[in-house]
């Protein structure tokens, strides 16, 4: 896509800030999410047997356009920054910080294409797909934390193209287009599930480990002791363990009752942990061993097990609290960086607009 982006960015006025392009891409994803939450909150729209739950096929087409637009805006923002000479840590944080949310929202949206019928997969396995996708992103950030260089995997571009095409085909031919067996009783969704997990296990993870190994061998990285190098893993391990334990042991089957909110909580916690790691990597500081948001989440999970009648309310309360805390953290960090570097987040200095 780089040749396309290199050409496209020439038509963007220089007064448009790169962070504005980044945020516009994020807004595209948010609109996509809002549409699907409105039309298909419980992920039944793709089920042929539930005609009253169907949503207009054009919604899928709109989501395809929004997703592809978000992808391209995310690719153009950095080129716009270098073109007008405003590249810096703020843009890196803003870009990768919002990416940490977008990376979870993509599979979150795809649930509406595949639904919850016999051609799909159980809800818990869908949750595992979301986990696999976000962990691919996090492994790359752990790599950067230890090597000082971010090597973006090819899987990112492929996933954006595939997701956009899936939404487009669902809009043109209906979600029934994917209700097929690709071979020997394996459905399209099951094959996609294997592909997602395989991408992380056999491409992203080994490549990141190898790059970290090379940085130690050639002494080009941060050269942290092994326990310090592994420090970013603890927050993510605790969060994934807590949420997975809750999904499995929930007395009310929380993940079946409200999959969307459960995933929204998971994605918000992931994004906060990832953002804290990104800030630590950029500033050369020690990352958190345990993300502060995990303490109240641990309490919520414990209460939900001992007070099942409160479980749904606790899920909603935890989700709202996590979102507000995450937004507060992001806004504060961006404001502090703007003050430190004496820049504006969404405006370009007049000297750079010529």
Protein backbone atom coordinates (compact mmCIF):
# COMPACT_ATOMS: atom_id res chain seq x y z
CA UNK A 1 0.00 0.00 0.00
CA UNK A 2 2.95 2.36 0.37
CA UNK A 3 2.95 3.49 -3.31
CA UNK A 4 -0.75 4.30 -3.02
CA UNK A 5 -0.30 6.16 0.25
CA UNK A 6 2.72 8.06 -1.09
CA UNK A 7 0.54 9.30 -3.93
CA UNK A 8 -2.58 9.96 -1.87
CA UNK A 9 -0.82 12.04 0.76
CA UNK A 10 0.18 14.58 -1.91
CA UNK A 11 -3.49 15.59 -2.22
CA UNK A 12 -3.94 16.22 1.50
CA UNK A 13 -3.57 19.91 2.48
CA UNK A 14 -0.56 20.61 4.64
CA UNK A 15 -2.70 22.35 7.26
CA UNK A 16 -4.32 19.03 8.17
CA UNK A 17 -2.51 17.59 11.17
CA UNK A 18 -1.38 13.93 11.01
CA UNK A 19 -3.04 13.26 14.37
CA UNK A 20 -6.29 14.51 12.87
CA UNK A 21 -6.01 11.83 10.18
CA UNK A 22 -5.27 9.23 12.86
CA UNK A 23 -8.29 10.30 14.89
CA UNK A 24 -10.50 10.35 11.80
CA UNK A 25 -9.58 6.73 11.14
CA UNK A 26 -10.47 5.84 14.71
CA UNK A 27 -13.81 7.63 14.37
CA UNK A 28 -14.53 5.52 11.27
CA UNK A 29 -14.09 2.39 13.39
CA UNK A 30 -16.28 3.81 16.16
CA UNK A 31 -19.08 4.56 13.66
CA UNK A 32 -18.78 0.98 12.39
CA UNK A 33 -19.07 -0.35 15.94
CA UNK A 34 -22.06 1.87 16.78
CA UNK A 35 -23.91 0.74 13.64
CA UNK A 36 -23.39 -2.93 14.47
CA UNK A 37 -24.33 -2.45 18.12
CA UNK A 38 -27.55 -0.77 17.02
CA UNK A 39 -28.53 -3.31 14.37
CA UNK A 40 -26.96 -6.47 15.77
CA UNK A 41 -26.21 -6.17 19.47
CA UNK A 42 -26.46 -9.91 20.18
CA UNK A 43 -24.75 -11.09 16.96
CA UNK A 44 -27.79 -12.87 15.52
CA UNK A 45 -28.15 -10.84 12.29
CA UNK A 46 -26.35 -13.47 10.20
CA UNK A 47 -28.64 -16.30 11.34
CA UNK A 48 -30.99 -17.38 8.52
CA UNK A 49 -33.52 -18.78 11.00
CA UNK A 50 -34.00 -15.47 12.81
CA UNK A 51 -35.48 -13.25 10.12
CA UNK A 52 -36.61 -10.64 12.66
CA UNK A 53 -32.99 -10.19 13.74
CA UNK A 54 -31.62 -9.52 10.24
CA UNK A 55 -30.14 -6.14 9.48
CA UNK A 56 -29.97 -4.47 6.05
CA UNK A 57 -27.13 -5.84 3.94
CA UNK A 58 -26.01 -2.34 3.08
CA UNK A 59 -24.82 -1.94 6.69
CA UNK A 60 -22.12 -4.51 5.93
CA UNK A 61 -21.10 -2.49 2.88
CA UNK A 62 -20.91 0.71 4.92
CA UNK A 63 -18.75 -1.11 7.47
CA UNK A 64 -16.44 -2.34 4.69
CA UNK A 65 -15.93 1.23 3.46
CA UNK A 66 -15.39 2.55 6.99
CA UNK A 67 -12.90 -0.19 7.85
CA UNK A 68 -10.89 0.29 4.66
CA UNK A 69 -10.95 4.05 5.14
CA UNK A 70 -9.67 3.64 8.73
CA UNK A 71 -6.88 1.42 7.43
CA UNK A 72 -5.78 3.93 4.82
CA UNK A 73 -5.96 6.92 7.16
CA UNK A 74 -3.79 4.97 9.61
CA UNK A 75 -1.26 4.43 6.83
CA UNK A 76 -1.28 8.01 5.56
CA UNK A 77 -0.91 9.83 8.88
CA UNK A 78 2.78 9.03 9.29
CA UNK A 79 3.53 10.03 5.70
CA UNK A 80 1.74 13.32 6.25
CA UNK A 81 3.83 13.92 9.38
CA UNK A 82 7.11 13.31 7.54
CA UNK A 83 5.93 15.33 4.56
CA UNK A 84 5.38 18.50 6.60
CA UNK A 85 8.15 17.83 9.14
CA UNK A 86 6.16 17.28 12.34
CA UNK A 87 7.11 13.68 13.14
CA UNK A 88 7.63 13.06 16.83
CA UNK A 89 6.83 11.02 19.94
CA UNK A 90 3.33 12.51 20.25
CA UNK A 91 2.34 11.22 16.82
CA UNK A 92 3.82 7.81 17.54
CA UNK A 93 1.89 7.51 20.80
CA UNK A 94 -1.34 8.82 19.26
CA UNK A 95 -1.08 6.45 16.29
CA UNK A 96 -0.15 3.27 18.15
CA UNK A 97 -2.37 4.12 21.10
CA UNK A 98 -5.49 4.28 18.94
CA UNK A 99 -4.30 1.24 16.99
CA UNK A 100 -4.38 -0.73 20.23
CA UNK A 101 -8.14 -0.12 20.35
CA UNK A 102 -8.78 -0.59 16.64
CA UNK A 103 -6.99 -3.95 16.64
CA UNK A 104 -9.63 -5.31 19.03
CA UNK A 105 -12.58 -3.61 17.34
CA UNK A 106 -12.01 -5.42 14.02
CA UNK A 107 -12.84 -8.95 15.26
CA UNK A 108 -15.45 -7.33 17.53
CA UNK A 109 -17.25 -6.17 14.38
CA UNK A 110 -16.77 -9.39 12.41
CA UNK A 111 -19.01 -11.27 14.85
CA UNK A 112 -21.94 -9.69 13.01
CA UNK A 113 -20.88 -11.33 9.74
CA UNK A 114 -20.55 -14.86 11.09
CA UNK A 115 -23.28 -14.85 13.73
CA UNK A 116 -23.88 -17.61 16.25
CA UNK A 117 -25.44 -20.43 14.22
CA UNK A 118 -24.17 -23.91 13.32
CA UNK A 119 -21.84 -22.49 10.63
CA UNK A 120 -20.09 -20.29 13.17
CA UNK A 121 -18.11 -21.19 16.30
CA UNK A 122 -18.99 -21.13 20.02
CA UNK A 123 -18.89 -17.72 21.65
CA UNK A 124 -15.94 -18.64 23.88
CA UNK A 125 -13.84 -19.58 20.85
CA UNK A 126 -14.77 -16.24 19.33
CA UNK A 127 -13.39 -14.61 22.46
CA UNK A 128 -10.17 -16.61 21.99
CA UNK A 129 -9.88 -15.20 18.45
CA UNK A 130 -10.10 -11.66 19.82
CA UNK A 131 -7.45 -12.58 22.38
CA UNK A 132 -5.17 -14.00 19.69
CA UNK A 133 -5.48 -10.88 17.54
CA UNK A 134 -4.70 -8.43 20.33
CA UNK A 135 -1.81 -10.52 21.66
CA UNK A 136 -0.18 -10.33 18.22
CA UNK A 137 -0.20 -6.56 18.59
CA UNK A 138 1.11 -6.73 22.15
CA UNK A 139 3.97 -9.08 21.29
CA UNK A 140 5.19 -6.50 18.76
CA UNK A 141 5.10 -3.78 21.43
CA UNK A 142 7.05 -6.03 23.83
CA UNK A 143 9.59 -6.47 21.05
CA UNK A 144 9.91 -2.69 20.64
CA UNK A 145 10.24 -2.26 24.41
CA UNK A 146 13.33 -4.48 24.34
CA UNK A 147 14.84 -3.71 20.92
CA UNK A 148 13.89 -0.05 20.47
CA UNK A 149 12.51 -0.82 17.00
CA UNK A 150 8.97 -1.72 15.96
CA UNK A 151 8.82 -4.30 13.18
CA UNK A 152 5.20 -4.33 12.07
CA UNK A 153 4.13 -7.83 10.96
CA UNK A 154 2.76 -8.38 7.47
CA UNK A 155 -0.33 -9.89 9.08
CA UNK A 156 -1.65 -6.42 9.92
CA UNK A 157 -2.10 -5.37 6.29
CA UNK A 158 -3.48 -8.78 5.35
CA UNK A 159 -6.00 -8.73 8.20
CA UNK A 160 -7.29 -5.27 7.21
CA UNK A 161 -7.69 -6.31 3.58
CA UNK A 162 -9.38 -9.60 4.48
CA UNK A 163 -11.74 -7.96 6.98
CA UNK A 164 -12.74 -5.26 4.49
CA UNK A 165 -13.37 -7.84 1.77
CA UNK A 166 -15.43 -10.00 4.14
CA UNK A 167 -17.67 -7.06 5.00
CA UNK A 168 -17.95 -6.08 1.34
CA UNK A 169 -18.97 -9.58 0.26
CA UNK A 170 -21.45 -9.78 3.13
CA UNK A 171 -22.98 -6.54 1.88
CA UNK A 172 -23.11 -7.60 -1.78
CA UNK A 173 -24.17 -11.22 -1.34
CA UNK A 174 -25.46 -11.33 2.23
CA UNK A 175 -23.82 -12.98 5.24
CA UNK A 176 -25.13 -16.34 3.97
CA UNK A 177 -22.27 -16.25 1.48
CA UNK A 178 -19.99 -17.44 4.28
CA UNK A 179 -22.31 -20.24 5.46
CA UNK A 180 -20.32 -22.89 3.62
CA UNK A 181 -18.03 -25.83 4.26
CA UNK A 182 -14.62 -25.20 2.75
CA UNK A 183 -13.53 -28.85 3.05
CA UNK A 184 -14.33 -32.04 5.00
CA UNK A 185 -16.98 -30.55 7.22
CA UNK A 186 -14.86 -27.50 8.14
CA UNK A 187 -16.80 -24.26 7.84
CA UNK A 188 -15.37 -21.00 6.53
CA UNK A 189 -15.36 -19.52 10.03
CA UNK A 190 -13.52 -22.52 11.47
CA UNK A 191 -10.88 -22.27 8.75
CA UNK A 192 -10.52 -18.53 9.47
CA UNK A 193 -10.18 -19.33 13.16
CA UNK A 194 -7.24 -21.66 12.47
CA UNK A 195 -5.64 -19.05 10.19
CA UNK A 196 -5.85 -16.33 12.87
CA UNK A 197 -4.27 -18.47 15.57
CA UNK A 198 -1.63 -19.82 13.19
CA UNK A 199 -0.59 -16.32 12.10
CA UNK A 200 0.32 -15.43 15.66
CA UNK A 201 1.94 -18.70 16.65
CA UNK A 202 3.96 -19.31 13.50
CA UNK A 203 4.77 -15.82 12.18
CA UNK A 204 4.45 -12.91 14.61
CA UNK A 205 5.61 -14.62 17.81
CA UNK A 206 8.72 -16.40 16.47
CA UNK A 207 9.79 -13.36 14.44
CA UNK A 208 9.50 -11.09 17.48
CA UNK A 209 11.44 -13.52 19.67
CA UNK A 210 14.13 -13.80 17.01
CA UNK A 211 14.43 -10.02 16.69
CA UNK A 212 14.83 -9.68 20.46
CA UNK A 213 17.45 -12.44 20.40
CA UNK A 214 19.36 -10.59 17.66
CA UNK A 215 19.25 -7.36 19.65
CA UNK A 216 20.95 -9.12 22.56
CA UNK A 217 23.41 -10.94 20.32
CA UNK A 218 24.42 -7.76 18.46
CA UNK A 219 23.98 -5.54 21.53
CA UNK A 220 21.73 -3.16 19.62
CA UNK A 221 18.74 -3.26 21.98
CA UNK A 222 18.07 -2.13 25.52
CA UNK A 223 20.09 -5.03 27.00
CA UNK A 224 17.77 -5.46 29.97
CA UNK A 225 18.19 -8.39 32.39
CA UNK A 226 15.86 -11.28 31.53
CA UNK A 227 13.34 -10.53 34.30
CA UNK A 228 13.18 -6.89 33.24
CA UNK A 229 12.77 -7.91 29.61
CA UNK A 230 9.80 -10.09 30.59
CA UNK A 231 8.25 -7.42 32.81
CA UNK A 232 5.64 -6.30 30.19
CA UNK A 233 4.15 -9.80 30.19
CA UNK A 234 2.82 -9.82 33.75
CA UNK A 235 0.03 -7.26 33.33
CA UNK A 236 -1.20 -8.91 30.16
CA UNK A 237 -0.97 -12.39 31.67
CA UNK A 238 -2.97 -11.31 34.72
CA UNK A 239 -5.62 -9.55 32.63
CA UNK A 240 -6.06 -12.45 30.21
CA UNK A 241 -6.21 -14.93 33.10
CA UNK A 242 -8.80 -12.89 35.00
CA UNK A 243 -11.09 -12.38 32.00
CA UNK A 244 -10.78 -15.97 30.80
CA UNK A 245 -11.44 -17.32 34.30
CA UNK A 246 -14.53 -15.10 34.52
CA UNK A 247 -15.78 -16.28 31.12
CA UNK A 248 -15.37 -19.95 32.10
CA UNK A 249 -16.56 -19.83 35.71
CA UNK A 250 -19.31 -17.23 35.38
CA UNK A 251 -22.40 -18.51 37.28
CA UNK A 252 -24.70 -16.83 34.75
CA UNK A 253 -22.72 -17.50 31.57
CA UNK A 254 -21.73 -13.86 31.30
CA UNK A 255 -20.07 -14.20 27.91
CA UNK A 256 -23.24 -15.71 26.43
CA UNK A 257 -25.53 -13.11 28.00
CA UNK A 258 -23.65 -10.02 26.85
CA UNK A 259 -20.73 -10.87 24.59
CA UNK A 260 -20.38 -7.30 23.31
CA UNK A 261 -19.87 -5.66 26.69
CA UNK A 262 -17.58 -8.45 27.89
CA UNK A 263 -15.37 -7.98 24.83
CA UNK A 264 -15.52 -4.20 25.21
CA UNK A 265 -14.18 -4.53 28.76
CA UNK A 266 -11.48 -6.95 27.60
CA UNK A 267 -10.44 -4.66 24.73
CA UNK A 268 -10.36 -1.55 26.92
CA UNK A 269 -8.16 -3.25 29.52
CA UNK A 270 -5.88 -4.51 26.76
CA UNK A 271 -5.59 -1.05 25.20
CA UNK A 272 -4.72 0.54 28.53
CA UNK A 273 -2.00 -2.01 29.25
CA UNK A 274 -0.64 -1.64 25.71
CA UNK A 275 -0.63 2.17 25.94
CA UNK A 276 1.29 2.11 29.20
CA UNK A 277 3.87 -0.16 27.58
CA UNK A 278 4.10 2.14 24.53
CA UNK A 279 4.73 5.15 26.80
CA UNK A 280 7.39 3.22 28.74
CA UNK A 281 9.10 2.15 25.53
CA UNK A 282 9.10 5.66 24.09
CA UNK A 283 10.37 7.30 27.27
CA UNK A 284 12.93 4.65 28.13
CA UNK A 285 11.32 4.06 31.51
CA UNK A 286 10.43 0.88 33.35
CA UNK A 287 6.96 -0.42 32.45
CA UNK A 288 4.33 -1.28 35.06
CA UNK A 289 4.53 -4.79 36.48
CA UNK A 290 0.78 -4.70 37.15
CA UNK A 291 -1.60 -2.27 35.48
CA UNK A 292 -3.54 -0.27 38.13
CA UNK A 293 -6.86 -1.07 36.43
CA UNK A 294 -6.46 -4.78 37.16
CA UNK A 295 -6.98 -4.45 40.91
CA UNK A 296 -10.63 -3.33 40.69
CA UNK A 297 -11.24 -5.87 37.91
CA UNK A 298 -10.01 -8.66 40.19
CA UNK A 299 -12.48 -7.47 42.84
CA UNK A 300 -15.31 -7.39 40.28
CA UNK A 301 -14.56 -10.95 39.14
CA UNK A 302 -14.48 -12.20 42.74
CA UNK A 303 -17.75 -10.44 43.63
CA UNK A 304 -19.47 -11.79 40.52
CA UNK A 305 -18.65 -15.35 41.57
CA UNK A 306 -19.88 -14.91 45.15
CA UNK A 307 -22.84 -12.66 44.31
CA UNK A 308 -24.21 -14.02 40.99
CA UNK A 309 -27.26 -11.76 41.13
CA UNK A 310 -24.93 -8.75 40.79
CA UNK A 311 -22.82 -10.14 37.95
CA UNK A 312 -24.43 -8.28 35.04
CA UNK A 313 -24.47 -4.99 36.93
CA UNK A 314 -20.83 -5.50 37.92
CA UNK A 315 -19.89 -6.14 34.27
CA UNK A 316 -21.52 -2.91 33.13
CA UNK A 317 -20.02 -0.95 36.03
CA UNK A 318 -16.54 -2.33 35.35
CA UNK A 319 -16.81 -1.56 31.64
CA UNK A 320 -17.91 2.03 32.14
CA UNK A 321 -15.25 2.54 34.80
CA UNK A 322 -12.51 1.03 32.61
CA UNK A 323 -13.46 3.17 29.60
CA UNK A 324 -13.53 6.38 31.66
CA UNK A 325 -10.20 5.54 33.31
CA UNK A 326 -8.62 4.69 29.96
CA UNK A 327 -9.86 7.88 28.29
CA UNK A 328 -8.65 9.90 31.28
CA UNK A 329 -5.21 8.28 31.06
CA UNK A 330 -4.95 8.90 27.32
CA UNK A 331 -6.06 12.53 27.50
CA UNK A 332 -3.69 13.28 30.38
CA UNK A 333 -0.69 11.72 28.63
CA UNK A 334 -1.41 13.56 25.37
CA UNK A 335 -1.85 16.89 27.18
CA UNK A 336 1.38 16.39 29.12
CA UNK A 337 3.29 15.54 25.93
CA UNK A 338 1.83 18.57 24.14
CA UNK A 339 2.96 20.77 27.01
CA UNK A 340 6.43 19.22 27.14
CA UNK A 341 7.10 19.45 23.40
CA UNK A 342 5.19 22.74 23.04
CA UNK A 343 2.96 21.45 20.24
CA UNK A 344 -0.76 21.21 19.54
CA UNK A 345 -2.24 17.77 19.02
CA UNK A 346 -4.63 18.61 16.16
CA UNK A 347 -3.07 21.66 14.53
CA UNK A 348 -0.04 22.24 12.32
CA UNK A 349 2.25 25.22 13.00
CA UNK A 350 1.88 27.88 10.32
CA UNK A 351 5.58 27.60 9.54
CA UNK A 352 5.00 23.98 8.47
CA UNK A 353 1.98 24.69 6.27
CA UNK A 354 3.96 26.31 3.43
